[in-house]
């Protein structure tokens, strides 16, 4: 491992519940949908516009309408999550150790820059992150490998030399498609949901995990 790539939501911060609630209210209360929480959670991957198309079909919204809905969803998410904004346990120490070891780190996320900046600046961790690839930087969302391949390129590393931290199956699949191994944080999904994937090295509840710390201690 020469470089580390982090997904953001659910991986660096435990916020997926707040995203789910924000989407649930937008989709059902604002837009008149009748989606279960499990349906909402299942479709929470990729860009916001893609989620809206998956839920309501092509051409249901104009681009301007989707932009407005996307921003409103993120505004509600940030408002609700701000009092709880914190890194996963052990992550700050892990970032510091990796930084001291000279291991370059990137964030590869389907989040928009507005949300990534919310975390990087709100938690003062921008100094640890050499590169960021957001939803605005790619044409194709996870599970396509574009996000992680761009991260590797920005870090100046071969994809096979990068280790990905993820929390969702679509993200782990994107890492596999990029030729990268993955460590899964079990904040959002159970390990059984990743059973079909061959690129997963380890499952952990947080960054105090002994295996994870061994990655930078050795």
N, C-alpha and C. Protein backbone atom coordinates (compact mmCIF):
# COMPACT_ATOMS: atom_id res chain seq x y z
N UNK A 1 0.83 -1.20 0.00
CA UNK A 1 0.00 0.00 0.00
C UNK A 1 0.87 1.25 0.00
N UNK A 2 0.73 2.05 -1.04
CA UNK A 2 1.49 3.30 -1.13
C UNK A 2 0.60 4.53 -0.96
N UNK A 3 -0.70 4.35 -1.12
CA UNK A 3 -1.64 5.46 -0.98
C UNK A 3 -2.98 4.98 -0.45
N UNK A 4 -3.73 5.90 0.14
CA UNK A 4 -5.03 5.58 0.72
C UNK A 4 -6.09 6.47 0.10
N UNK A 5 -7.22 5.85 -0.25
CA UNK A 5 -8.37 6.59 -0.77
C UNK A 5 -9.57 6.33 0.14
N UNK A 6 -10.18 7.40 0.61
CA UNK A 6 -11.36 7.29 1.46
C UNK A 6 -12.62 7.67 0.69
N UNK A 7 -13.64 6.85 0.79
CA UNK A 7 -14.99 7.36 0.56
C UNK A 7 -15.26 8.32 1.72
N UNK A 8 -16.29 9.14 1.61
CA UNK A 8 -16.53 10.13 2.67
C UNK A 8 -17.68 9.72 3.59
N UNK A 9 -18.89 9.80 3.07
CA UNK A 9 -20.08 9.59 3.89
C UNK A 9 -20.22 8.13 4.29
N UNK A 10 -20.31 7.90 5.60
CA UNK A 10 -20.40 6.53 6.10
C UNK A 10 -19.06 5.87 6.30
N UNK A 11 -18.01 6.50 5.81
CA UNK A 11 -16.65 5.95 5.92
C UNK A 11 -15.78 6.80 6.83
N UNK A 12 -15.74 8.09 6.56
CA UNK A 12 -14.98 9.00 7.42
C UNK A 12 -15.87 9.57 8.53
N UNK A 13 -17.14 9.74 8.22
CA UNK A 13 -18.12 10.22 9.19
C UNK A 13 -19.34 9.30 9.14
N UNK A 14 -19.98 9.13 10.28
CA UNK A 14 -21.12 8.21 10.37
C UNK A 14 -22.41 9.00 10.20
N UNK A 15 -22.72 9.34 8.95
CA UNK A 15 -23.82 10.26 8.69
C UNK A 15 -24.90 9.72 7.76
N UNK A 16 -24.81 8.44 7.38
CA UNK A 16 -25.74 7.95 6.36
C UNK A 16 -27.19 7.98 6.83
N UNK A 17 -27.42 7.85 8.12
CA UNK A 17 -28.78 7.95 8.65
C UNK A 17 -29.38 9.32 8.34
N UNK A 18 -28.57 10.37 8.41
CA UNK A 18 -29.06 11.73 8.16
C UNK A 18 -29.33 11.95 6.67
N UNK A 19 -28.52 11.34 5.83
CA UNK A 19 -28.80 11.39 4.39
C UNK A 19 -30.10 10.67 4.07
N UNK A 20 -30.28 9.51 4.70
CA UNK A 20 -31.50 8.72 4.46
C UNK A 20 -32.74 9.51 4.85
N UNK A 21 -32.72 10.12 6.02
CA UNK A 21 -33.87 10.89 6.49
C UNK A 21 -34.15 12.09 5.59
N UNK A 22 -33.08 12.77 5.16
CA UNK A 22 -33.27 13.93 4.29
C UNK A 22 -33.89 13.52 2.96
N UNK A 23 -33.38 12.42 2.39
CA UNK A 23 -33.95 11.94 1.13
C UNK A 23 -35.38 11.45 1.32
N UNK A 24 -35.64 10.76 2.41
CA UNK A 24 -36.97 10.22 2.66
C UNK A 24 -38.01 11.34 2.68
N UNK A 25 -37.67 12.44 3.33
CA UNK A 25 -38.61 13.56 3.41
C UNK A 25 -38.78 14.25 2.05
N UNK A 26 -37.68 14.41 1.33
CA UNK A 26 -37.77 15.02 0.00
C UNK A 26 -38.63 14.16 -0.92
N UNK A 27 -38.31 12.86 -0.98
CA UNK A 27 -38.98 11.96 -1.93
C UNK A 27 -40.45 11.74 -1.61
N UNK A 28 -40.76 11.58 -0.34
CA UNK A 28 -42.13 11.24 0.05
C UNK A 28 -42.98 12.45 0.41
N UNK A 29 -42.47 13.32 1.27
CA UNK A 29 -43.27 14.45 1.73
C UNK A 29 -43.31 15.58 0.70
N UNK A 30 -42.17 15.90 0.11
CA UNK A 30 -42.12 17.01 -0.85
C UNK A 30 -42.60 16.61 -2.24
N UNK A 31 -42.25 15.39 -2.65
CA UNK A 31 -42.51 14.97 -4.03
C UNK A 31 -43.66 13.98 -4.16
N UNK A 32 -44.28 13.59 -3.04
CA UNK A 32 -45.46 12.73 -3.09
C UNK A 32 -45.18 11.28 -3.38
N UNK A 33 -43.95 10.84 -3.16
CA UNK A 33 -43.62 9.43 -3.37
C UNK A 33 -44.14 8.57 -2.23
N UNK A 34 -43.98 7.28 -2.40
CA UNK A 34 -44.43 6.33 -1.37
C UNK A 34 -43.35 5.26 -1.19
N UNK A 35 -42.13 5.72 -0.93
CA UNK A 35 -40.99 4.82 -0.85
C UNK A 35 -40.71 4.42 0.59
N UNK A 36 -40.38 3.17 0.80
CA UNK A 36 -39.99 2.71 2.13
C UNK A 36 -38.57 3.18 2.43
N UNK A 37 -38.22 3.14 3.70
CA UNK A 37 -36.86 3.53 4.08
C UNK A 37 -35.82 2.62 3.43
N UNK A 38 -36.14 1.33 3.35
CA UNK A 38 -35.22 0.39 2.71
C UNK A 38 -35.03 0.71 1.23
N UNK A 39 -36.11 1.12 0.55
CA UNK A 39 -36.00 1.49 -0.86
C UNK A 39 -35.13 2.72 -1.03
N UNK A 40 -35.30 3.68 -0.14
CA UNK A 40 -34.49 4.89 -0.20
C UNK A 40 -33.02 4.54 0.02
N UNK A 41 -32.76 3.76 1.05
CA UNK A 41 -31.38 3.38 1.38
C UNK A 41 -30.73 2.62 0.24
N UNK A 42 -31.48 1.71 -0.38
CA UNK A 42 -30.95 0.90 -1.47
C UNK A 42 -30.52 1.74 -2.66
N UNK A 43 -31.18 2.87 -2.86
CA UNK A 43 -30.90 3.72 -4.03
C UNK A 43 -29.96 4.88 -3.73
N UNK A 44 -29.43 4.93 -2.52
CA UNK A 44 -28.54 6.02 -2.15
C UNK A 44 -27.10 5.74 -2.55
N UNK A 45 -26.84 5.83 -3.83
CA UNK A 45 -25.48 5.74 -4.35
C UNK A 45 -25.41 6.59 -5.61
N UNK A 46 -24.21 7.01 -5.96
CA UNK A 46 -24.05 7.85 -7.14
C UNK A 46 -24.48 9.29 -6.87
N UNK A 47 -24.70 10.01 -7.95
CA UNK A 47 -25.05 11.43 -7.85
C UNK A 47 -26.52 11.61 -7.49
N UNK A 48 -26.83 12.77 -6.90
CA UNK A 48 -28.21 13.05 -6.51
C UNK A 48 -29.17 13.00 -7.69
N UNK A 49 -28.73 13.54 -8.82
CA UNK A 49 -29.60 13.53 -10.01
C UNK A 49 -29.91 12.09 -10.43
N UNK A 50 -28.91 11.22 -10.32
CA UNK A 50 -29.11 9.82 -10.69
C UNK A 50 -30.11 9.14 -9.77
N UNK A 51 -30.06 9.48 -8.49
CA UNK A 51 -31.03 8.92 -7.55
C UNK A 51 -32.45 9.34 -7.92
N UNK A 52 -32.62 10.60 -8.24
CA UNK A 52 -33.96 11.10 -8.61
C UNK A 52 -34.49 10.39 -9.85
N UNK A 53 -33.61 10.13 -10.80
CA UNK A 53 -34.02 9.41 -12.02
C UNK A 53 -34.38 7.97 -11.68
N UNK A 54 -33.59 7.33 -10.83
CA UNK A 54 -33.91 5.95 -10.44
C UNK A 54 -35.27 5.86 -9.75
N UNK A 55 -35.59 6.85 -8.94
CA UNK A 55 -36.82 6.79 -8.16
C UNK A 55 -38.05 7.21 -8.95
N UNK A 56 -37.91 8.17 -9.86
CA UNK A 56 -39.07 8.72 -10.55
C UNK A 56 -39.05 8.54 -12.07
N UNK A 57 -37.94 8.03 -12.61
CA UNK A 57 -37.86 7.80 -14.04
C UNK A 57 -37.26 8.96 -14.80
N UNK A 58 -36.87 8.67 -16.04
CA UNK A 58 -36.29 9.69 -16.92
C UNK A 58 -37.32 10.78 -17.24
N UNK A 59 -36.82 12.01 -17.37
CA UNK A 59 -37.61 13.15 -17.83
C UNK A 59 -38.73 13.55 -16.88
N UNK A 60 -38.71 13.06 -15.66
CA UNK A 60 -39.73 13.47 -14.68
C UNK A 60 -39.44 14.88 -14.17
N UNK A 61 -38.16 15.20 -14.05
CA UNK A 61 -37.74 16.52 -13.58
C UNK A 61 -36.86 17.19 -14.63
N UNK A 62 -36.90 18.51 -14.67
CA UNK A 62 -35.93 19.25 -15.47
C UNK A 62 -34.60 19.28 -14.72
N UNK A 63 -33.54 19.61 -15.42
CA UNK A 63 -32.23 19.73 -14.78
C UNK A 63 -32.27 20.78 -13.68
N UNK A 64 -32.95 21.89 -13.94
CA UNK A 64 -33.05 22.96 -12.94
C UNK A 64 -33.78 22.47 -11.70
N UNK A 65 -34.84 21.70 -11.89
CA UNK A 65 -35.58 21.15 -10.75
C UNK A 65 -34.72 20.19 -9.94
N UNK A 66 -33.95 19.35 -10.63
CA UNK A 66 -33.08 18.41 -9.92
C UNK A 66 -31.97 19.14 -9.16
N UNK A 67 -31.44 20.20 -9.75
CA UNK A 67 -30.43 21.00 -9.06
C UNK A 67 -31.00 21.57 -7.75
N UNK A 68 -32.22 22.08 -7.84
CA UNK A 68 -32.87 22.68 -6.67
C UNK A 68 -33.14 21.63 -5.59
N UNK A 69 -33.65 20.47 -6.01
CA UNK A 69 -33.94 19.40 -5.06
C UNK A 69 -32.66 18.88 -4.41
N UNK A 70 -31.61 18.76 -5.21
CA UNK A 70 -30.33 18.29 -4.70
C UNK A 70 -29.78 19.23 -3.63
N UNK A 71 -29.81 20.53 -3.92
CA UNK A 71 -29.29 21.49 -2.95
C UNK A 71 -30.13 21.50 -1.68
N UNK A 72 -31.46 21.42 -1.82
CA UNK A 72 -32.33 21.42 -0.66
C UNK A 72 -32.09 20.19 0.22
N UNK A 73 -31.88 19.05 -0.43
CA UNK A 73 -31.59 17.83 0.33
C UNK A 73 -30.30 18.01 1.13
N UNK A 74 -29.26 18.55 0.52
CA UNK A 74 -27.98 18.73 1.21
C UNK A 74 -28.08 19.78 2.31
N UNK A 75 -28.88 20.82 2.08
CA UNK A 75 -29.07 21.84 3.11
C UNK A 75 -29.70 21.22 4.36
N UNK A 76 -30.74 20.39 4.15
CA UNK A 76 -31.41 19.76 5.29
C UNK A 76 -30.47 18.77 5.99
N UNK A 77 -29.72 18.03 5.20
CA UNK A 77 -28.76 17.08 5.77
C UNK A 77 -27.75 17.80 6.66
N UNK A 78 -27.14 18.87 6.14
CA UNK A 78 -26.12 19.57 6.91
C UNK A 78 -26.70 20.20 8.18
N UNK A 79 -27.88 20.74 8.07
CA UNK A 79 -28.53 21.36 9.23
C UNK A 79 -28.77 20.32 10.34
N UNK A 80 -29.21 19.12 9.94
CA UNK A 80 -29.50 18.08 10.93
C UNK A 80 -28.23 17.45 11.49
N UNK A 81 -27.22 17.28 10.64
CA UNK A 81 -26.02 16.55 11.06
C UNK A 81 -24.98 17.42 11.77
N UNK A 82 -25.01 18.72 11.54
CA UNK A 82 -23.97 19.61 12.08
C UNK A 82 -23.69 19.40 13.57
N UNK A 83 -24.72 19.29 14.43
CA UNK A 83 -24.42 19.09 15.86
C UNK A 83 -23.70 17.78 16.15
N UNK A 84 -23.78 16.82 15.23
CA UNK A 84 -23.16 15.50 15.42
C UNK A 84 -21.88 15.33 14.59
N UNK A 85 -21.47 16.38 13.88
CA UNK A 85 -20.34 16.27 12.96
C UNK A 85 -19.08 15.84 13.69
N UNK A 86 -18.57 14.67 13.33
CA UNK A 86 -17.35 14.14 13.95
C UNK A 86 -16.80 13.04 13.07
N UNK A 87 -15.48 12.86 13.12
CA UNK A 87 -14.86 11.74 12.42
C UNK A 87 -15.22 10.44 13.12
N UNK A 88 -15.18 9.33 12.36
CA UNK A 88 -15.34 8.03 12.98
C UNK A 88 -14.28 7.85 14.07
N UNK A 89 -14.60 7.15 15.15
CA UNK A 89 -13.62 6.94 16.21
C UNK A 89 -12.30 6.38 15.69
N UNK A 90 -11.23 7.01 16.10
CA UNK A 90 -9.89 6.56 15.71
C UNK A 90 -9.38 7.12 14.40
N UNK A 91 -10.24 7.79 13.63
CA UNK A 91 -9.80 8.23 12.30
C UNK A 91 -8.81 9.38 12.38
N UNK A 92 -9.00 10.31 13.30
CA UNK A 92 -8.05 11.42 13.38
C UNK A 92 -6.64 10.92 13.67
N UNK A 93 -6.53 9.97 14.59
CA UNK A 93 -5.23 9.39 14.90
C UNK A 93 -4.65 8.65 13.70
N UNK A 94 -5.52 7.94 12.97
CA UNK A 94 -5.08 7.21 11.78
C UNK A 94 -4.57 8.18 10.72
N UNK A 95 -5.30 9.27 10.49
CA UNK A 95 -4.88 10.27 9.51
C UNK A 95 -3.52 10.86 9.89
N UNK A 96 -3.35 11.15 11.16
CA UNK A 96 -2.09 11.74 11.62
C UNK A 96 -0.93 10.77 11.43
N UNK A 97 -1.14 9.50 11.77
CA UNK A 97 -0.07 8.50 11.61
C UNK A 97 0.29 8.31 10.14
N UNK A 98 -0.72 8.21 9.29
CA UNK A 98 -0.46 8.04 7.85
C UNK A 98 0.27 9.26 7.30
N UNK A 99 -0.13 10.44 7.75
CA UNK A 99 0.51 11.68 7.32
C UNK A 99 1.98 11.71 7.74
N UNK A 100 2.24 11.30 8.97
CA UNK A 100 3.61 11.27 9.48
C UNK A 100 4.47 10.26 8.73
N UNK A 101 3.84 9.20 8.25
CA UNK A 101 4.56 8.17 7.48
C UNK A 101 4.77 8.58 6.03
N UNK A 102 4.17 9.71 5.63
CA UNK A 102 4.31 10.17 4.26
C UNK A 102 3.43 9.44 3.27
N UNK A 103 2.34 8.83 3.74
CA UNK A 103 1.41 8.12 2.86
C UNK A 103 0.41 9.12 2.30
N UNK A 104 0.38 9.33 0.99
CA UNK A 104 -0.58 10.28 0.42
C UNK A 104 -2.00 9.76 0.51
N UNK A 105 -2.95 10.67 0.77
CA UNK A 105 -4.35 10.28 0.96
C UNK A 105 -5.26 11.14 0.10
N UNK A 106 -6.35 10.51 -0.37
CA UNK A 106 -7.33 11.19 -1.20
C UNK A 106 -8.73 10.84 -0.72
N UNK A 107 -9.68 11.67 -1.12
CA UNK A 107 -11.10 11.37 -0.93
C UNK A 107 -11.72 11.17 -2.30
N UNK A 108 -12.41 10.04 -2.47
CA UNK A 108 -13.13 9.76 -3.71
C UNK A 108 -14.59 9.51 -3.37
N UNK A 109 -15.43 10.50 -3.63
CA UNK A 109 -16.80 10.47 -3.13
C UNK A 109 -17.80 10.90 -4.18
N UNK A 110 -19.02 10.39 -4.06
CA UNK A 110 -20.12 10.84 -4.91
C UNK A 110 -20.77 12.10 -4.35
N UNK A 111 -20.24 12.61 -3.24
CA UNK A 111 -20.75 13.85 -2.67
C UNK A 111 -20.37 15.04 -3.54
N UNK A 112 -21.17 16.09 -3.46
CA UNK A 112 -20.83 17.33 -4.15
C UNK A 112 -19.81 18.10 -3.31
N UNK A 113 -19.06 19.03 -3.92
CA UNK A 113 -18.06 19.78 -3.17
C UNK A 113 -18.61 20.47 -1.92
N UNK A 114 -19.84 20.94 -1.99
CA UNK A 114 -20.50 21.60 -0.86
C UNK A 114 -20.47 20.73 0.39
N UNK A 115 -20.72 19.43 0.22
CA UNK A 115 -20.71 18.51 1.36
C UNK A 115 -19.30 18.09 1.76
N UNK A 116 -18.42 17.94 0.79
CA UNK A 116 -17.03 17.58 1.11
C UNK A 116 -16.36 18.70 1.89
N UNK A 117 -16.57 19.94 1.45
CA UNK A 117 -16.00 21.09 2.17
C UNK A 117 -16.58 21.19 3.58
N UNK A 118 -17.85 20.86 3.73
CA UNK A 118 -18.52 20.85 5.04
C UNK A 118 -17.75 19.98 6.03
N UNK A 119 -17.24 18.85 5.56
CA UNK A 119 -16.50 17.93 6.43
C UNK A 119 -15.04 18.34 6.57
N UNK A 120 -14.36 18.60 5.46
CA UNK A 120 -12.93 18.93 5.50
C UNK A 120 -12.66 20.17 6.35
N UNK A 121 -13.47 21.20 6.16
CA UNK A 121 -13.25 22.44 6.89
C UNK A 121 -13.90 22.41 8.28
N UNK A 122 -15.06 21.76 8.37
CA UNK A 122 -15.74 21.67 9.66
C UNK A 122 -14.94 20.88 10.68
N UNK A 123 -14.16 19.91 10.21
CA UNK A 123 -13.36 19.07 11.10
C UNK A 123 -11.86 19.34 11.00
N UNK A 124 -11.51 20.34 10.20
CA UNK A 124 -10.11 20.78 10.07
C UNK A 124 -9.17 19.63 9.69
N UNK A 125 -9.54 18.88 8.65
CA UNK A 125 -8.69 17.76 8.21
C UNK A 125 -8.18 17.94 6.78
N UNK A 126 -8.41 19.10 6.20
CA UNK A 126 -7.98 19.31 4.82
C UNK A 126 -6.47 19.11 4.66
N UNK A 127 -5.71 19.40 5.70
CA UNK A 127 -4.24 19.29 5.63
C UNK A 127 -3.77 17.87 5.37
N UNK A 128 -4.61 16.88 5.69
CA UNK A 128 -4.21 15.48 5.50
C UNK A 128 -4.50 14.97 4.08
N UNK A 129 -5.35 15.66 3.36
CA UNK A 129 -5.88 15.14 2.10
C UNK A 129 -5.19 15.81 0.91
N UNK A 130 -4.48 15.01 0.13
CA UNK A 130 -3.74 15.54 -1.01
C UNK A 130 -4.64 15.80 -2.21
N UNK A 131 -5.68 14.98 -2.39
CA UNK A 131 -6.53 15.10 -3.58
C UNK A 131 -7.97 14.78 -3.22
N UNK A 132 -8.89 15.42 -3.94
CA UNK A 132 -10.32 15.18 -3.76
C UNK A 132 -10.96 14.99 -5.13
N UNK A 133 -11.72 13.92 -5.27
CA UNK A 133 -12.53 13.70 -6.47
C UNK A 133 -13.98 13.62 -6.01
N UNK A 134 -14.79 14.57 -6.49
CA UNK A 134 -16.19 14.68 -6.08
C UNK A 134 -17.12 14.27 -7.22
N UNK A 135 -18.41 14.38 -6.97
CA UNK A 135 -19.41 14.08 -8.00
C UNK A 135 -19.22 14.97 -9.22
N UNK A 136 -18.75 16.19 -8.99
CA UNK A 136 -18.59 17.14 -10.09
C UNK A 136 -17.39 16.83 -10.98
N UNK A 137 -16.53 15.92 -10.53
CA UNK A 137 -15.28 15.64 -11.25
C UNK A 137 -15.33 14.42 -12.14
N UNK A 138 -16.46 13.71 -12.14
CA UNK A 138 -16.55 12.47 -12.92
C UNK A 138 -17.80 12.46 -13.78
N UNK A 139 -17.72 11.69 -14.85
CA UNK A 139 -18.88 11.48 -15.72
C UNK A 139 -19.70 10.28 -15.23
N UNK A 140 -18.99 9.28 -14.70
CA UNK A 140 -19.64 8.01 -14.34
C UNK A 140 -19.46 7.74 -12.84
N UNK A 141 -20.57 7.48 -12.16
CA UNK A 141 -20.55 7.27 -10.71
C UNK A 141 -20.16 5.84 -10.36
N UNK A 142 -19.81 5.62 -9.10
CA UNK A 142 -19.62 4.26 -8.59
C UNK A 142 -20.89 3.45 -8.86
N UNK A 143 -20.79 2.21 -9.28
CA UNK A 143 -19.63 1.31 -9.21
C UNK A 143 -18.63 1.41 -10.36
N UNK A 144 -18.81 2.38 -11.28
CA UNK A 144 -17.77 2.61 -12.27
C UNK A 144 -16.50 3.06 -11.55
N UNK A 145 -15.33 2.66 -12.01
CA UNK A 145 -14.09 2.96 -11.28
C UNK A 145 -13.54 4.37 -11.48
N UNK A 146 -14.21 5.22 -12.28
CA UNK A 146 -13.63 6.52 -12.62
C UNK A 146 -13.20 7.32 -11.39
N UNK A 147 -14.03 7.35 -10.36
CA UNK A 147 -13.70 8.14 -9.16
C UNK A 147 -12.38 7.70 -8.56
N UNK A 148 -12.21 6.42 -8.35
CA UNK A 148 -11.00 5.92 -7.70
C UNK A 148 -9.78 5.97 -8.63
N UNK A 149 -9.99 5.76 -9.92
CA UNK A 149 -8.88 5.87 -10.86
C UNK A 149 -8.35 7.30 -10.92
N UNK A 150 -9.26 8.28 -10.85
CA UNK A 150 -8.82 9.68 -10.84
C UNK A 150 -8.06 10.01 -9.56
N UNK A 151 -8.51 9.43 -8.45
CA UNK A 151 -7.78 9.62 -7.19
C UNK A 151 -6.35 9.11 -7.31
N UNK A 152 -6.20 7.90 -7.83
CA UNK A 152 -4.87 7.31 -7.99
C UNK A 152 -4.00 8.19 -8.89
N UNK A 153 -4.59 8.68 -9.96
CA UNK A 153 -3.85 9.55 -10.89
C UNK A 153 -3.38 10.82 -10.18
N UNK A 154 -4.26 11.43 -9.39
CA UNK A 154 -3.91 12.66 -8.68
C UNK A 154 -2.86 12.41 -7.59
N UNK A 155 -2.85 11.21 -7.04
CA UNK A 155 -1.83 10.85 -6.05
C UNK A 155 -0.52 10.44 -6.71
N UNK A 156 -0.54 10.25 -8.04
CA UNK A 156 0.65 9.83 -8.76
C UNK A 156 1.01 8.38 -8.53
N UNK A 157 -0.02 7.54 -8.31
CA UNK A 157 0.21 6.14 -7.98
C UNK A 157 -0.50 5.21 -8.95
N UNK A 158 0.03 4.01 -9.08
CA UNK A 158 -0.67 2.96 -9.81
C UNK A 158 -1.90 2.56 -8.99
N UNK A 159 -3.04 2.32 -9.65
CA UNK A 159 -4.25 1.93 -8.90
C UNK A 159 -4.04 0.76 -7.96
N UNK A 160 -3.23 -0.21 -8.37
CA UNK A 160 -3.03 -1.39 -7.53
C UNK A 160 -2.23 -1.09 -6.26
N UNK A 161 -1.63 0.09 -6.19
CA UNK A 161 -0.89 0.50 -4.99
C UNK A 161 -1.74 1.30 -4.02
N UNK A 162 -3.04 1.46 -4.34
CA UNK A 162 -3.94 2.24 -3.50
C UNK A 162 -4.90 1.33 -2.74
N UNK A 163 -5.12 1.63 -1.48
CA UNK A 163 -6.10 0.93 -0.65
C UNK A 163 -7.29 1.84 -0.43
N UNK A 164 -8.49 1.28 -0.62
CA UNK A 164 -9.72 2.05 -0.49
C UNK A 164 -10.43 1.71 0.82
N UNK A 165 -10.92 2.73 1.50
CA UNK A 165 -11.83 2.55 2.63
C UNK A 165 -13.23 2.92 2.17
N UNK A 166 -14.17 2.00 2.34
CA UNK A 166 -15.54 2.18 1.86
C UNK A 166 -16.53 1.69 2.92
N UNK A 167 -17.82 1.97 2.66
CA UNK A 167 -18.86 1.47 3.56
C UNK A 167 -20.03 0.83 2.83
N UNK A 168 -20.08 0.93 1.51
CA UNK A 168 -21.24 0.40 0.77
C UNK A 168 -20.79 -0.54 -0.34
N UNK A 169 -21.64 -1.50 -0.71
CA UNK A 169 -21.28 -2.46 -1.76
C UNK A 169 -20.93 -1.81 -3.09
N UNK A 170 -21.67 -0.78 -3.50
CA UNK A 170 -21.37 -0.14 -4.79
C UNK A 170 -19.98 0.49 -4.78
N UNK A 171 -19.57 1.02 -3.64
CA UNK A 171 -18.23 1.59 -3.53
C UNK A 171 -17.15 0.53 -3.57
N UNK A 172 -17.40 -0.58 -2.87
CA UNK A 172 -16.44 -1.69 -2.90
C UNK A 172 -16.33 -2.26 -4.30
N UNK A 173 -17.45 -2.28 -5.02
CA UNK A 173 -17.44 -2.76 -6.40
C UNK A 173 -16.64 -1.82 -7.29
N UNK A 174 -16.77 -0.52 -7.05
CA UNK A 174 -15.99 0.47 -7.81
C UNK A 174 -14.50 0.27 -7.58
N UNK A 175 -14.13 0.00 -6.33
CA UNK A 175 -12.73 -0.26 -6.02
C UNK A 175 -12.23 -1.51 -6.74
N UNK A 176 -13.05 -2.56 -6.74
CA UNK A 176 -12.68 -3.79 -7.45
C UNK A 176 -12.49 -3.52 -8.93
N UNK A 177 -13.38 -2.72 -9.49
CA UNK A 177 -13.29 -2.39 -10.92
C UNK A 177 -12.06 -1.55 -11.24
N UNK A 178 -11.53 -0.87 -10.22
CA UNK A 178 -10.31 -0.08 -10.39
C UNK A 178 -9.06 -0.89 -10.08
N UNK A 179 -9.23 -2.16 -9.66
CA UNK A 179 -8.10 -3.00 -9.32
C UNK A 179 -7.54 -2.74 -7.94
N UNK A 180 -8.39 -2.24 -7.05
CA UNK A 180 -7.95 -1.86 -5.71
C UNK A 180 -8.56 -2.75 -4.63
N UNK A 181 -7.79 -3.03 -3.59
CA UNK A 181 -8.29 -3.73 -2.42
C UNK A 181 -9.06 -2.75 -1.54
N UNK A 182 -9.93 -3.31 -0.69
CA UNK A 182 -10.84 -2.47 0.10
C UNK A 182 -10.93 -2.95 1.54
N UNK A 183 -11.02 -1.98 2.45
CA UNK A 183 -11.39 -2.23 3.84
C UNK A 183 -12.76 -1.60 4.05
N UNK A 184 -13.67 -2.36 4.63
CA UNK A 184 -15.05 -1.90 4.79
C UNK A 184 -15.32 -1.46 6.22
N UNK A 185 -15.86 -0.25 6.37
CA UNK A 185 -16.37 0.22 7.65
C UNK A 185 -17.84 -0.16 7.73
N UNK A 186 -18.22 -0.87 8.78
CA UNK A 186 -19.56 -1.44 8.87
C UNK A 186 -20.55 -0.48 9.53
N UNK A 187 -20.51 0.77 9.12
CA UNK A 187 -21.42 1.77 9.66
C UNK A 187 -22.80 1.69 9.02
N UNK A 188 -22.86 1.22 7.79
CA UNK A 188 -24.07 1.31 7.00
C UNK A 188 -24.61 -0.04 6.56
N UNK A 189 -23.72 -0.96 6.24
CA UNK A 189 -24.11 -2.28 5.73
C UNK A 189 -23.42 -3.38 6.52
N UNK A 190 -24.06 -4.54 6.57
CA UNK A 190 -23.49 -5.70 7.25
C UNK A 190 -22.53 -6.43 6.33
N UNK A 191 -21.59 -7.14 6.93
CA UNK A 191 -20.56 -7.82 6.15
C UNK A 191 -21.15 -8.82 5.17
N UNK A 192 -22.28 -9.42 5.50
CA UNK A 192 -22.90 -10.41 4.61
C UNK A 192 -23.28 -9.80 3.27
N UNK A 193 -23.51 -8.50 3.23
CA UNK A 193 -23.91 -7.83 1.99
C UNK A 193 -22.75 -7.69 1.01
N UNK A 194 -21.55 -8.01 1.46
CA UNK A 194 -20.35 -7.93 0.62
C UNK A 194 -19.81 -9.32 0.30
N UNK A 195 -20.58 -10.35 0.60
CA UNK A 195 -20.07 -11.73 0.54
C UNK A 195 -19.58 -12.13 -0.85
N UNK A 196 -20.15 -11.53 -1.89
CA UNK A 196 -19.80 -11.91 -3.26
C UNK A 196 -18.54 -11.21 -3.77
N UNK A 197 -17.94 -10.35 -2.97
CA UNK A 197 -16.80 -9.55 -3.45
C UNK A 197 -15.47 -10.16 -3.00
N UNK A 198 -14.51 -10.14 -3.92
CA UNK A 198 -13.22 -10.80 -3.67
C UNK A 198 -12.11 -9.83 -3.28
N UNK A 199 -12.37 -8.54 -3.33
CA UNK A 199 -11.31 -7.55 -3.10
C UNK A 199 -11.30 -7.00 -1.68
N UNK A 200 -12.13 -7.54 -0.81
CA UNK A 200 -12.25 -6.99 0.55
C UNK A 200 -11.26 -7.67 1.49
N UNK A 201 -10.44 -6.87 2.14
CA UNK A 201 -9.42 -7.38 3.04
C UNK A 201 -9.92 -7.55 4.46
N UNK A 202 -10.83 -6.67 4.88
CA UNK A 202 -11.19 -6.65 6.30
C UNK A 202 -12.46 -5.83 6.50
N UNK A 203 -13.19 -6.17 7.56
CA UNK A 203 -14.35 -5.39 8.02
C UNK A 203 -14.04 -4.83 9.40
N UNK A 204 -14.43 -3.58 9.64
CA UNK A 204 -14.15 -2.96 10.94
C UNK A 204 -15.26 -1.98 11.30
N UNK A 205 -15.54 -1.82 12.60
CA UNK A 205 -16.56 -0.85 13.02
C UNK A 205 -16.05 0.58 13.03
N UNK A 206 -14.74 0.76 13.20
CA UNK A 206 -14.16 2.10 13.26
C UNK A 206 -12.64 1.99 13.06
N UNK A 207 -11.96 3.12 13.20
CA UNK A 207 -10.52 3.17 12.91
C UNK A 207 -9.64 2.86 14.12
N UNK A 208 -10.24 2.47 15.22
CA UNK A 208 -9.45 1.93 16.32
C UNK A 208 -9.12 0.46 16.10
N UNK A 209 -9.68 -0.11 15.07
CA UNK A 209 -9.49 -1.52 14.75
C UNK A 209 -8.00 -1.86 14.62
N UNK A 210 -7.61 -2.98 15.19
CA UNK A 210 -6.20 -3.38 15.22
C UNK A 210 -5.64 -3.60 13.81
N UNK A 211 -6.42 -4.24 12.95
CA UNK A 211 -5.95 -4.49 11.58
C UNK A 211 -5.69 -3.16 10.86
N UNK A 212 -6.62 -2.24 10.98
CA UNK A 212 -6.48 -0.95 10.30
C UNK A 212 -5.23 -0.22 10.78
N UNK A 213 -5.02 -0.19 12.08
CA UNK A 213 -3.84 0.50 12.60
C UNK A 213 -2.55 -0.18 12.19
N UNK A 214 -2.61 -1.50 12.01
CA UNK A 214 -1.44 -2.22 11.54
C UNK A 214 -1.01 -1.82 10.15
N UNK A 215 -1.93 -1.27 9.37
CA UNK A 215 -1.61 -0.84 8.01
C UNK A 215 -0.60 0.30 7.99
N UNK A 216 -0.65 1.15 8.99
CA UNK A 216 0.27 2.29 9.03
C UNK A 216 1.33 2.15 10.11
N UNK A 217 1.15 1.21 11.03
CA UNK A 217 2.15 1.01 12.08
C UNK A 217 3.36 0.23 11.58
N UNK A 218 3.13 -0.64 10.58
CA UNK A 218 4.21 -1.49 10.08
C UNK A 218 5.09 -0.76 9.06
